[in-house]
N, C-alpha and C. Protein backbone atom coordinates (compact mmCIF):
# COMPACT_ATOMS: atom_id res chain seq x y z
N MET A 1 40.40 4.24 50.61
CA MET A 1 40.44 5.29 51.61
C MET A 1 39.07 5.45 52.24
N LYS A 2 38.95 5.20 53.51
CA LYS A 2 37.66 5.25 54.17
C LYS A 2 37.44 6.59 54.85
N SER A 3 36.19 6.98 54.96
CA SER A 3 35.85 8.23 55.62
C SER A 3 35.87 8.05 57.12
N ILE A 4 36.10 9.14 57.81
CA ILE A 4 36.09 9.16 59.26
C ILE A 4 35.03 10.15 59.69
N ILE A 5 34.16 9.77 60.61
CA ILE A 5 33.19 10.71 61.16
C ILE A 5 33.56 10.94 62.62
N LYS A 6 33.85 12.18 62.96
CA LYS A 6 34.20 12.54 64.32
C LYS A 6 32.97 13.12 65.00
N ILE A 7 32.57 12.55 66.12
CA ILE A 7 31.40 13.03 66.83
C ILE A 7 31.83 14.06 67.87
N ILE A 8 31.21 15.24 67.81
CA ILE A 8 31.52 16.30 68.76
C ILE A 8 30.19 16.87 69.24
N GLY A 9 29.67 16.34 70.33
CA GLY A 9 28.37 16.80 70.80
C GLY A 9 27.33 16.53 69.73
N GLU A 10 26.63 17.59 69.33
CA GLU A 10 25.60 17.44 68.32
C GLU A 10 26.14 17.69 66.91
N ASP A 11 27.40 18.06 66.83
CA ASP A 11 28.00 18.37 65.53
C ASP A 11 28.88 17.22 65.07
N TYR A 12 29.10 17.15 63.78
CA TYR A 12 30.04 16.16 63.28
C TYR A 12 30.85 16.76 62.15
N PHE A 13 32.00 16.16 61.96
CA PHE A 13 32.89 16.59 60.90
C PHE A 13 33.23 15.35 60.08
N LEU A 14 33.04 15.44 58.79
CA LEU A 14 33.29 14.31 57.91
C LEU A 14 34.49 14.61 57.04
N SER A 15 35.45 13.73 57.04
CA SER A 15 36.62 13.96 56.22
C SER A 15 37.00 12.67 55.51
N ALA A 16 37.75 12.81 54.41
CA ALA A 16 38.18 11.64 53.66
C ALA A 16 39.63 11.33 54.00
N LEU A 17 39.93 11.24 55.29
CA LEU A 17 41.30 10.96 55.72
C LEU A 17 41.42 9.48 56.05
N PRO A 18 42.51 8.86 55.67
CA PRO A 18 42.69 7.44 55.98
C PRO A 18 42.88 7.21 57.47
N LYS A 19 42.52 6.03 57.95
CA LYS A 19 42.64 5.75 59.37
C LYS A 19 44.09 5.75 59.83
N SER A 20 45.01 5.53 58.92
CA SER A 20 46.42 5.51 59.27
C SER A 20 47.01 6.91 59.37
N TYR A 21 46.20 7.92 59.09
CA TYR A 21 46.66 9.31 59.09
C TYR A 21 47.19 9.70 60.47
N LYS A 22 48.42 10.21 60.49
CA LYS A 22 49.01 10.64 61.75
C LYS A 22 49.71 11.98 61.63
N LYS A 23 50.42 12.20 60.54
CA LYS A 23 51.18 13.42 60.39
C LYS A 23 50.35 14.53 59.76
N VAL A 24 50.84 15.74 59.92
CA VAL A 24 50.20 16.89 59.29
C VAL A 24 50.31 16.77 57.78
N GLU A 25 49.20 16.88 57.10
CA GLU A 25 49.17 16.80 55.64
C GLU A 25 48.08 17.75 55.13
N PRO A 26 48.44 19.02 54.91
CA PRO A 26 47.44 20.02 54.51
C PRO A 26 46.74 19.67 53.21
N LEU A 27 45.50 20.11 53.10
CA LEU A 27 44.77 19.95 51.85
C LEU A 27 45.61 20.47 50.69
N ALA A 28 45.66 19.72 49.62
CA ALA A 28 46.45 20.11 48.47
C ALA A 28 45.66 21.02 47.54
N VAL A 29 46.36 21.78 46.73
CA VAL A 29 45.71 22.57 45.69
C VAL A 29 44.95 21.61 44.79
N ARG A 30 43.72 21.96 44.48
CA ARG A 30 42.74 21.18 43.73
C ARG A 30 42.04 20.15 44.62
N GLY A 31 42.47 20.05 45.89
CA GLY A 31 41.75 19.19 46.82
C GLY A 31 40.40 19.80 47.16
N VAL A 32 39.48 18.98 47.65
CA VAL A 32 38.12 19.42 47.92
C VAL A 32 37.94 19.71 49.41
N LEU A 33 37.32 20.84 49.71
CA LEU A 33 37.02 21.20 51.09
C LEU A 33 36.11 20.14 51.70
N PRO A 34 36.53 19.50 52.80
CA PRO A 34 35.70 18.47 53.42
C PRO A 34 34.39 19.05 53.96
N THR A 35 33.44 18.17 54.17
CA THR A 35 32.15 18.58 54.71
C THR A 35 32.24 18.74 56.22
N CYS A 36 31.97 19.93 56.70
CA CYS A 36 32.02 20.21 58.13
C CYS A 36 30.77 20.97 58.55
N ARG A 37 30.03 20.47 59.52
CA ARG A 37 28.90 21.21 60.05
C ARG A 37 29.36 21.99 61.27
N ILE A 38 29.05 23.27 61.32
CA ILE A 38 29.54 24.12 62.38
C ILE A 38 28.39 24.72 63.18
N ASN A 39 28.67 24.96 64.43
CA ASN A 39 27.70 25.56 65.35
C ASN A 39 27.83 27.08 65.27
N CYS A 40 26.78 27.74 64.84
CA CYS A 40 26.84 29.19 64.64
C CYS A 40 27.11 29.95 65.94
N GLU A 41 26.72 29.36 67.07
CA GLU A 41 26.92 30.03 68.35
C GLU A 41 28.39 30.17 68.71
N LEU A 42 29.25 29.45 68.02
CA LEU A 42 30.68 29.51 68.30
C LEU A 42 31.41 30.49 67.39
N GLY A 43 30.65 31.24 66.59
CA GLY A 43 31.27 32.17 65.66
C GLY A 43 30.86 33.62 65.90
N ILE A 44 31.71 34.52 65.48
CA ILE A 44 31.42 35.95 65.44
C ILE A 44 31.24 36.28 63.97
N TRP A 45 29.99 36.44 63.56
CA TRP A 45 29.66 36.54 62.14
C TRP A 45 29.40 38.00 61.75
N GLN A 46 30.25 38.52 60.90
CA GLN A 46 30.12 39.91 60.46
C GLN A 46 29.74 40.01 58.99
N GLN A 47 30.00 38.95 58.22
CA GLN A 47 29.64 38.89 56.80
C GLN A 47 29.17 37.48 56.49
N LEU A 48 27.86 37.29 56.34
CA LEU A 48 27.32 35.97 56.03
C LEU A 48 26.48 36.01 54.76
N PRO A 49 26.50 34.95 53.97
CA PRO A 49 25.60 34.88 52.81
C PRO A 49 24.14 34.96 53.25
N SER A 50 23.31 35.50 52.40
CA SER A 50 21.89 35.59 52.73
C SER A 50 21.33 34.19 52.96
N GLY A 51 20.50 34.08 53.96
CA GLY A 51 19.92 32.78 54.28
C GLY A 51 20.60 32.09 55.44
N LEU A 52 21.80 32.54 55.80
CA LEU A 52 22.53 31.92 56.90
C LEU A 52 22.50 32.76 58.17
N GLU A 53 22.00 33.99 58.08
CA GLU A 53 22.04 34.90 59.22
C GLU A 53 21.34 34.35 60.46
N HIS A 54 20.28 33.59 60.25
CA HIS A 54 19.50 33.10 61.38
C HIS A 54 19.61 31.59 61.57
N ALA A 55 20.56 31.00 60.90
CA ALA A 55 20.74 29.54 61.00
C ALA A 55 21.40 29.18 62.33
N GLY A 56 21.00 28.06 62.90
CA GLY A 56 21.64 27.57 64.12
C GLY A 56 22.92 26.82 63.81
N THR A 57 22.91 26.09 62.71
CA THR A 57 24.11 25.41 62.21
C THR A 57 24.09 25.52 60.69
N PHE A 58 25.24 25.40 60.10
CA PHE A 58 25.33 25.27 58.65
C PHE A 58 26.65 24.59 58.32
N TYR A 59 26.82 24.27 57.07
CA TYR A 59 28.03 23.59 56.64
C TYR A 59 29.07 24.62 56.17
N LEU A 60 30.31 24.31 56.43
CA LEU A 60 31.39 25.23 56.09
C LEU A 60 31.33 25.65 54.64
N HIS A 61 31.04 24.73 53.73
CA HIS A 61 31.03 25.06 52.30
C HIS A 61 29.87 25.99 51.93
N GLN A 62 28.88 26.16 52.81
CA GLN A 62 27.80 27.09 52.51
C GLN A 62 28.28 28.55 52.53
N LEU A 63 29.42 28.79 53.13
CA LEU A 63 30.00 30.14 53.11
C LEU A 63 30.49 30.50 51.71
N LEU A 64 30.46 29.54 50.79
CA LEU A 64 30.88 29.79 49.41
C LEU A 64 29.72 30.26 48.52
N GLN A 65 28.56 30.43 49.09
CA GLN A 65 27.39 30.79 48.30
C GLN A 65 27.57 32.10 47.54
N ASP A 66 28.24 33.05 48.16
CA ASP A 66 28.39 34.38 47.55
C ASP A 66 29.75 34.60 46.87
N GLY A 67 30.61 33.59 46.89
CA GLY A 67 31.92 33.74 46.27
C GLY A 67 32.97 32.90 46.96
N PRO A 68 34.22 32.98 46.53
CA PRO A 68 35.30 32.21 47.13
C PRO A 68 35.48 32.54 48.61
N LEU A 69 36.17 31.67 49.31
CA LEU A 69 36.39 31.84 50.75
C LEU A 69 37.86 31.65 51.08
N VAL A 70 38.39 32.58 51.85
CA VAL A 70 39.74 32.46 52.39
C VAL A 70 39.60 31.96 53.82
N ILE A 71 40.20 30.83 54.12
CA ILE A 71 40.18 30.26 55.47
C ILE A 71 41.59 30.35 56.05
N SER A 72 41.71 30.98 57.21
CA SER A 72 43.03 31.14 57.81
C SER A 72 42.99 30.74 59.28
N LYS A 73 44.02 30.08 59.73
CA LYS A 73 44.13 29.65 61.11
C LYS A 73 44.75 30.76 61.96
N TYR A 74 44.44 30.71 63.27
CA TYR A 74 45.05 31.66 64.21
C TYR A 74 45.05 31.06 65.61
N SER A 75 46.13 31.35 66.34
CA SER A 75 46.19 31.00 67.75
C SER A 75 47.00 32.05 68.50
N PRO A 76 46.49 32.54 69.63
CA PRO A 76 47.29 33.48 70.44
C PRO A 76 48.56 32.82 70.98
N ALA A 77 48.58 31.49 71.03
CA ALA A 77 49.76 30.77 71.50
C ALA A 77 50.92 30.87 70.52
N TRP A 78 50.64 31.40 69.32
CA TRP A 78 51.71 31.64 68.36
C TRP A 78 52.54 32.86 68.74
N ASN A 79 52.12 33.53 69.80
CA ASN A 79 52.85 34.69 70.33
C ASN A 79 52.93 35.83 69.30
N GLU A 80 54.12 36.39 69.11
CA GLU A 80 54.26 37.56 68.22
C GLU A 80 53.87 37.22 66.78
N TYR A 81 54.16 36.00 66.38
CA TYR A 81 53.78 35.58 65.03
C TYR A 81 52.27 35.71 64.85
N GLY A 82 51.51 35.33 65.88
CA GLY A 82 50.06 35.41 65.80
C GLY A 82 49.56 36.83 65.61
N LYS A 83 50.15 37.76 66.33
CA LYS A 83 49.77 39.17 66.20
C LYS A 83 50.07 39.69 64.79
N GLU A 84 51.24 39.36 64.29
CA GLU A 84 51.61 39.81 62.95
C GLU A 84 50.73 39.16 61.89
N HIS A 85 50.32 37.93 62.16
CA HIS A 85 49.43 37.22 61.23
C HIS A 85 48.08 37.95 61.12
N LEU A 86 47.53 38.33 62.25
CA LEU A 86 46.25 39.06 62.25
C LEU A 86 46.39 40.41 61.55
N GLN A 87 47.49 41.08 61.79
CA GLN A 87 47.72 42.38 61.14
C GLN A 87 47.79 42.22 59.62
N ALA A 88 48.43 41.15 59.17
CA ALA A 88 48.53 40.90 57.73
C ALA A 88 47.15 40.63 57.13
N LEU A 89 46.34 39.84 57.83
CA LEU A 89 44.99 39.54 57.35
C LEU A 89 44.12 40.81 57.33
N ASN A 90 44.25 41.63 58.36
CA ASN A 90 43.49 42.88 58.40
C ASN A 90 43.82 43.76 57.20
N LYS A 91 45.08 43.79 56.86
CA LYS A 91 45.52 44.61 55.74
C LYS A 91 45.00 44.06 54.42
N ALA A 92 44.94 42.73 54.32
CA ALA A 92 44.52 42.09 53.07
C ALA A 92 43.00 42.04 52.91
N TYR A 93 42.27 42.15 54.00
CA TYR A 93 40.83 41.92 53.95
C TYR A 93 40.07 42.84 52.99
N PRO A 94 40.33 44.14 52.94
CA PRO A 94 39.59 44.98 51.99
C PRO A 94 39.71 44.50 50.54
N GLN A 95 40.91 44.08 50.14
CA GLN A 95 41.09 43.60 48.77
C GLN A 95 40.41 42.24 48.57
N ILE A 96 40.41 41.42 49.61
CA ILE A 96 39.70 40.15 49.54
C ILE A 96 38.22 40.39 49.25
N ARG A 97 37.64 41.36 49.94
CA ARG A 97 36.23 41.68 49.71
C ARG A 97 36.00 42.27 48.32
N ARG A 98 36.92 43.10 47.88
CA ARG A 98 36.78 43.68 46.54
C ARG A 98 36.87 42.61 45.47
N SER A 99 37.53 41.51 45.80
CA SER A 99 37.65 40.40 44.85
C SER A 99 36.41 39.51 44.84
N GLY A 100 35.43 39.84 45.68
CA GLY A 100 34.20 39.05 45.74
C GLY A 100 34.28 37.86 46.67
N ALA A 101 35.31 37.83 47.50
CA ALA A 101 35.51 36.71 48.41
C ALA A 101 35.25 37.14 49.85
N ASN A 102 35.26 36.17 50.73
CA ASN A 102 35.11 36.43 52.16
C ASN A 102 36.26 35.76 52.90
N LEU A 103 36.38 36.10 54.18
CA LEU A 103 37.48 35.58 55.00
C LEU A 103 36.92 34.99 56.29
N LEU A 104 37.36 33.79 56.61
CA LEU A 104 37.00 33.13 57.86
C LEU A 104 38.26 32.82 58.64
N LEU A 105 38.32 33.32 59.87
CA LEU A 105 39.44 33.04 60.76
C LEU A 105 39.04 31.92 61.72
N LEU A 106 39.78 30.83 61.70
CA LEU A 106 39.56 29.73 62.63
C LEU A 106 40.50 29.90 63.81
N SER A 107 39.95 30.17 64.97
CA SER A 107 40.76 30.51 66.14
C SER A 107 40.74 29.39 67.17
N THR A 108 41.86 29.18 67.83
CA THR A 108 41.93 28.19 68.91
C THR A 108 41.37 28.75 70.21
N GLU A 109 41.01 30.02 70.23
CA GLU A 109 40.48 30.63 71.45
C GLU A 109 39.03 30.20 71.69
N TYR A 110 38.63 30.21 72.95
CA TYR A 110 37.23 30.08 73.26
C TYR A 110 36.48 31.29 72.74
N PHE A 111 35.18 31.14 72.51
CA PHE A 111 34.38 32.20 71.91
C PHE A 111 34.53 33.52 72.68
N LYS A 112 34.42 33.48 74.00
CA LYS A 112 34.45 34.73 74.77
C LYS A 112 35.79 35.44 74.62
N ASN A 113 36.87 34.69 74.47
CA ASN A 113 38.18 35.30 74.27
C ASN A 113 38.32 35.85 72.85
N SER A 114 37.66 35.17 71.90
CA SER A 114 37.69 35.67 70.52
C SER A 114 37.02 37.03 70.42
N VAL A 115 36.00 37.26 71.23
CA VAL A 115 35.33 38.56 71.24
C VAL A 115 36.32 39.67 71.57
N TYR A 116 37.14 39.43 72.56
CA TYR A 116 38.15 40.42 72.94
C TYR A 116 39.20 40.59 71.84
N THR A 117 39.58 39.51 71.20
CA THR A 117 40.56 39.58 70.11
C THR A 117 40.02 40.41 68.95
N VAL A 118 38.74 40.19 68.61
CA VAL A 118 38.10 40.97 67.54
C VAL A 118 38.14 42.46 67.87
N GLN A 119 37.87 42.79 69.12
CA GLN A 119 37.88 44.20 69.53
C GLN A 119 39.30 44.77 69.55
N GLU A 120 40.23 44.00 70.08
CA GLU A 120 41.61 44.48 70.20
C GLU A 120 42.26 44.73 68.85
N PHE A 121 41.98 43.85 67.87
CA PHE A 121 42.64 43.97 66.56
C PHE A 121 41.72 44.55 65.48
N ASN A 122 40.55 45.02 65.90
CA ASN A 122 39.60 45.62 64.95
C ASN A 122 39.33 44.70 63.77
N ILE A 123 39.03 43.45 64.06
CA ILE A 123 38.78 42.45 63.03
C ILE A 123 37.39 42.65 62.45
N ALA A 124 37.31 42.73 61.13
CA ALA A 124 36.03 42.99 60.45
C ALA A 124 35.48 41.76 59.75
N TYR A 125 36.16 40.62 59.84
CA TYR A 125 35.75 39.41 59.15
C TYR A 125 35.25 38.36 60.15
N ASN A 126 34.76 37.27 59.63
CA ASN A 126 34.18 36.22 60.46
C ASN A 126 35.25 35.45 61.25
N VAL A 127 34.89 35.11 62.49
CA VAL A 127 35.80 34.35 63.35
C VAL A 127 35.03 33.17 63.94
N LEU A 128 35.61 31.99 63.88
CA LEU A 128 34.95 30.78 64.38
C LEU A 128 35.88 30.06 65.36
N GLN A 129 35.31 29.67 66.49
CA GLN A 129 36.08 28.92 67.48
C GLN A 129 36.41 27.52 66.97
N ASP A 130 37.68 27.17 67.07
CA ASP A 130 38.13 25.81 66.75
C ASP A 130 39.08 25.38 67.87
N HIS A 131 38.59 25.52 69.10
CA HIS A 131 39.43 25.33 70.27
C HIS A 131 40.05 23.93 70.34
N GLU A 132 39.29 22.93 69.92
CA GLU A 132 39.80 21.56 70.00
C GLU A 132 40.48 21.11 68.71
N ASN A 133 40.68 22.04 67.80
CA ASN A 133 41.41 21.78 66.54
C ASN A 133 40.74 20.74 65.65
N ARG A 134 39.42 20.61 65.77
CA ARG A 134 38.73 19.61 64.96
C ARG A 134 38.74 19.98 63.47
N ILE A 135 38.44 21.25 63.19
CA ILE A 135 38.44 21.67 61.79
C ILE A 135 39.88 21.70 61.27
N SER A 136 40.81 22.11 62.11
CA SER A 136 42.22 22.14 61.71
C SER A 136 42.70 20.74 61.33
N GLU A 137 42.23 19.74 62.05
CA GLU A 137 42.61 18.36 61.75
C GLU A 137 42.04 17.94 60.40
N VAL A 138 40.78 18.33 60.14
CA VAL A 138 40.16 18.01 58.86
C VAL A 138 40.91 18.68 57.71
N LEU A 139 41.39 19.91 57.95
CA LEU A 139 42.13 20.64 56.92
C LEU A 139 43.57 20.14 56.78
N GLY A 140 43.98 19.28 57.70
CA GLY A 140 45.31 18.69 57.61
C GLY A 140 46.43 19.54 58.17
N VAL A 141 46.11 20.51 59.05
CA VAL A 141 47.15 21.38 59.61
C VAL A 141 47.32 21.19 61.11
N TYR A 142 46.71 20.14 61.62
CA TYR A 142 46.90 19.78 63.03
C TYR A 142 46.90 18.27 63.17
N SER A 143 47.81 17.77 63.99
CA SER A 143 47.84 16.36 64.34
C SER A 143 48.49 16.21 65.70
N GLU A 144 47.87 15.42 66.54
CA GLU A 144 48.46 15.18 67.86
C GLU A 144 49.78 14.43 67.74
N TYR A 145 50.02 13.82 66.59
CA TYR A 145 51.24 13.07 66.38
C TYR A 145 52.39 13.92 65.85
N GLU A 146 52.09 15.17 65.51
CA GLU A 146 53.13 16.10 65.05
C GLU A 146 52.87 17.47 65.69
N PRO A 147 53.09 17.56 67.00
CA PRO A 147 52.74 18.79 67.73
C PRO A 147 53.67 19.96 67.40
N VAL A 148 53.08 21.14 67.34
CA VAL A 148 53.86 22.35 67.09
C VAL A 148 54.86 22.58 68.20
N TRP A 149 54.45 22.31 69.45
CA TRP A 149 55.33 22.58 70.59
C TRP A 149 56.60 21.73 70.58
N ASP A 150 56.58 20.65 69.83
CA ASP A 150 57.77 19.80 69.72
C ASP A 150 58.72 20.30 68.65
N ARG A 151 58.27 21.33 67.91
CA ARG A 151 59.04 21.83 66.78
C ARG A 151 59.48 23.28 66.96
N ILE A 152 58.64 24.07 67.63
CA ILE A 152 58.88 25.50 67.76
C ILE A 152 59.09 25.90 69.21
N ALA A 153 60.25 26.46 69.52
CA ALA A 153 60.54 26.93 70.87
C ALA A 153 59.62 28.08 71.24
N GLY A 154 59.15 28.08 72.49
CA GLY A 154 58.31 29.17 72.96
C GLY A 154 56.83 28.88 72.86
N ILE A 155 56.46 27.84 72.13
CA ILE A 155 55.05 27.44 72.03
C ILE A 155 54.86 26.19 72.88
N THR A 156 53.95 26.28 73.85
CA THR A 156 53.75 25.19 74.79
C THR A 156 52.35 24.58 74.70
N GLU A 157 51.47 25.17 73.91
CA GLU A 157 50.11 24.67 73.81
C GLU A 157 49.92 23.79 72.58
N ASP A 158 48.85 23.01 72.60
CA ASP A 158 48.54 22.11 71.50
C ASP A 158 47.77 22.88 70.43
N VAL A 159 48.48 23.38 69.45
CA VAL A 159 47.89 24.28 68.45
C VAL A 159 48.20 23.80 67.03
N PRO A 160 47.48 24.31 66.04
CA PRO A 160 47.75 23.94 64.65
C PRO A 160 48.92 24.74 64.08
N PHE A 161 49.38 24.33 62.93
CA PHE A 161 50.37 25.10 62.20
C PHE A 161 49.69 26.27 61.48
N PRO A 162 50.42 27.38 61.30
CA PRO A 162 49.84 28.49 60.53
C PRO A 162 49.51 28.03 59.12
N ALA A 163 48.31 28.32 58.70
CA ALA A 163 47.88 27.91 57.36
C ALA A 163 46.76 28.80 56.86
N THR A 164 46.75 29.02 55.56
CA THR A 164 45.70 29.79 54.90
C THR A 164 45.35 29.10 53.59
N PHE A 165 44.06 28.95 53.34
CA PHE A 165 43.58 28.32 52.13
C PHE A 165 42.64 29.27 51.39
N VAL A 166 42.74 29.30 50.08
CA VAL A 166 41.76 29.99 49.25
C VAL A 166 40.90 28.91 48.61
N ILE A 167 39.60 28.95 48.88
CA ILE A 167 38.68 27.93 48.39
C ILE A 167 37.77 28.53 47.33
N GLY A 168 37.72 27.92 46.15
CA GLY A 168 36.84 28.38 45.09
C GLY A 168 35.41 27.96 45.35
N THR A 169 34.48 28.52 44.60
CA THR A 169 33.06 28.20 44.79
C THR A 169 32.73 26.75 44.43
N ASP A 170 33.66 26.07 43.78
CA ASP A 170 33.49 24.64 43.48
C ASP A 170 34.02 23.76 44.62
N ARG A 171 34.40 24.41 45.73
CA ARG A 171 34.91 23.75 46.94
C ARG A 171 36.34 23.25 46.79
N ARG A 172 37.00 23.56 45.70
CA ARG A 172 38.38 23.12 45.51
C ARG A 172 39.37 24.17 45.98
N VAL A 173 40.50 23.69 46.49
CA VAL A 173 41.55 24.58 46.98
C VAL A 173 42.24 25.24 45.78
N VAL A 174 42.22 26.55 45.76
CA VAL A 174 42.86 27.32 44.70
C VAL A 174 44.30 27.66 45.07
N TYR A 175 44.50 27.89 46.36
CA TYR A 175 45.84 28.27 46.85
C TYR A 175 45.93 27.86 48.32
N ARG A 176 47.13 27.47 48.73
CA ARG A 176 47.35 27.18 50.14
C ARG A 176 48.71 27.71 50.58
N PHE A 177 48.78 28.06 51.84
CA PHE A 177 50.03 28.49 52.44
C PHE A 177 50.13 27.86 53.82
N VAL A 178 51.25 27.19 54.08
CA VAL A 178 51.50 26.57 55.38
C VAL A 178 52.93 26.92 55.80
N SER A 179 53.09 27.37 57.05
CA SER A 179 54.42 27.73 57.54
C SER A 179 54.74 26.87 58.76
N LYS A 180 55.28 25.70 58.52
CA LYS A 180 55.53 24.76 59.61
C LYS A 180 56.68 25.21 60.51
N ASP A 181 57.52 26.09 60.01
CA ASP A 181 58.64 26.58 60.81
C ASP A 181 58.42 28.01 61.31
N PHE A 182 57.23 28.55 61.04
CA PHE A 182 56.89 29.90 61.50
C PHE A 182 57.89 30.95 60.99
N GLU A 183 58.44 30.70 59.83
CA GLU A 183 59.44 31.61 59.27
C GLU A 183 58.80 32.76 58.50
N TYR A 184 57.68 32.49 57.85
CA TYR A 184 57.09 33.49 56.98
C TYR A 184 55.62 33.71 57.32
N LEU A 185 55.18 34.96 57.14
CA LEU A 185 53.77 35.28 57.26
C LEU A 185 53.07 34.94 55.95
N VAL A 186 51.77 34.81 56.03
CA VAL A 186 50.99 34.51 54.83
C VAL A 186 51.23 35.60 53.78
N PRO A 187 51.62 35.22 52.57
CA PRO A 187 51.86 36.21 51.50
C PRO A 187 50.53 36.71 50.94
N THR A 188 50.08 37.83 51.43
CA THR A 188 48.75 38.32 51.05
C THR A 188 48.64 38.63 49.56
N LYS A 189 49.73 38.98 48.94
CA LYS A 189 49.70 39.23 47.49
C LYS A 189 49.37 37.96 46.73
N GLU A 190 49.80 36.82 47.26
CA GLU A 190 49.50 35.54 46.62
C GLU A 190 48.01 35.21 46.76
N ILE A 191 47.44 35.58 47.89
CA ILE A 191 45.99 35.40 48.06
C ILE A 191 45.25 36.21 47.01
N GLU A 192 45.66 37.46 46.84
CA GLU A 192 45.02 38.33 45.86
C GLU A 192 45.16 37.77 44.45
N LYS A 193 46.34 37.25 44.13
CA LYS A 193 46.57 36.67 42.81
C LYS A 193 45.70 35.44 42.59
N ALA A 194 45.58 34.61 43.62
CA ALA A 194 44.76 33.39 43.50
C ALA A 194 43.29 33.75 43.28
N LEU A 195 42.81 34.75 43.99
CA LEU A 195 41.41 35.17 43.83
C LEU A 195 41.18 35.79 42.46
N ALA A 196 42.14 36.58 42.00
CA ALA A 196 42.01 37.20 40.68
C ALA A 196 42.02 36.13 39.59
N SER A 197 42.87 35.12 39.74
CA SER A 197 42.96 34.05 38.76
C SER A 197 41.67 33.24 38.73
N PHE A 198 41.12 32.94 39.91
CA PHE A 198 39.87 32.18 39.97
C PHE A 198 38.74 32.97 39.31
N LYS A 199 38.69 34.26 39.59
CA LYS A 199 37.64 35.10 39.02
C LYS A 199 37.75 35.14 37.51
N LYS A 200 38.98 35.26 37.00
CA LYS A 200 39.19 35.31 35.55
C LYS A 200 38.77 34.01 34.87
N GLU A 201 39.08 32.88 35.51
CA GLU A 201 38.78 31.58 34.90
C GLU A 201 37.32 31.20 34.98
N ASN A 202 36.60 31.75 35.96
CA ASN A 202 35.24 31.29 36.19
C ASN A 202 34.15 32.32 35.91
N TYR A 203 34.53 33.59 35.76
CA TYR A 203 33.50 34.60 35.59
C TYR A 203 33.66 35.41 34.31
N ASN A 204 34.66 35.09 33.51
CA ASN A 204 34.87 35.81 32.25
C ASN A 204 34.41 34.95 31.06
C-alpha cells in the first residue's frame, strides 16, 4: 500500500490510501488519523492547545495535545439534515469539553460563510474550511467516484457523507459514525460513551 501526497498550494495532505482507492471507505475504529497539515487562516479557532494560538500552520493531530478530539463533517448542502446535525453537536459540546476532549467541525463552506454559520448557530467549537473535501477524502468520507448527489435526492453539490470520528490522544479512532443514507443524526450519547471509555482506559 503506497502513500499518496496531495499538493494543495503550500499545504499537503499525506494519507495511506491505495492508488486504486475510489469508493468511500471511512477510517475504521483503531485506524490511525492520517497526517494533515492545515492552514490556520482557514479556521475559526475558539479552543486551541497552548502553543498553537499563533501558529500559521499545524498538523491536525496536534489538536490532540490537550486530549481526545471529536472530528465531525458538515455541509449546508445537506439542507435540513445539516441544521439538525449542528444542533446535535451544539447540545453535545459541553459534555465533550467536560470529558477533556475538543471538537473540530470540518465545513464545506468557504471561510467567510463559516463565520456567518458560527454566528447563526452560536457555535462555540473550532471550525475549519474543507471546501474542496481534501480532508474528507483523507478521512474516507468523500470520493468523486461515489457522489452524495447520486444517492440522496435534494442534494446537488459535491459534498462528503455525514461522519463523526472520536480520535484518542494516540491518534487512533475510538469511535466512528457515518450515515450514508442520511437516515440518522450522530448519536451524541455514543460520543460521550467513547470518550468516557477512552478516559477510563488511559487515565485510570
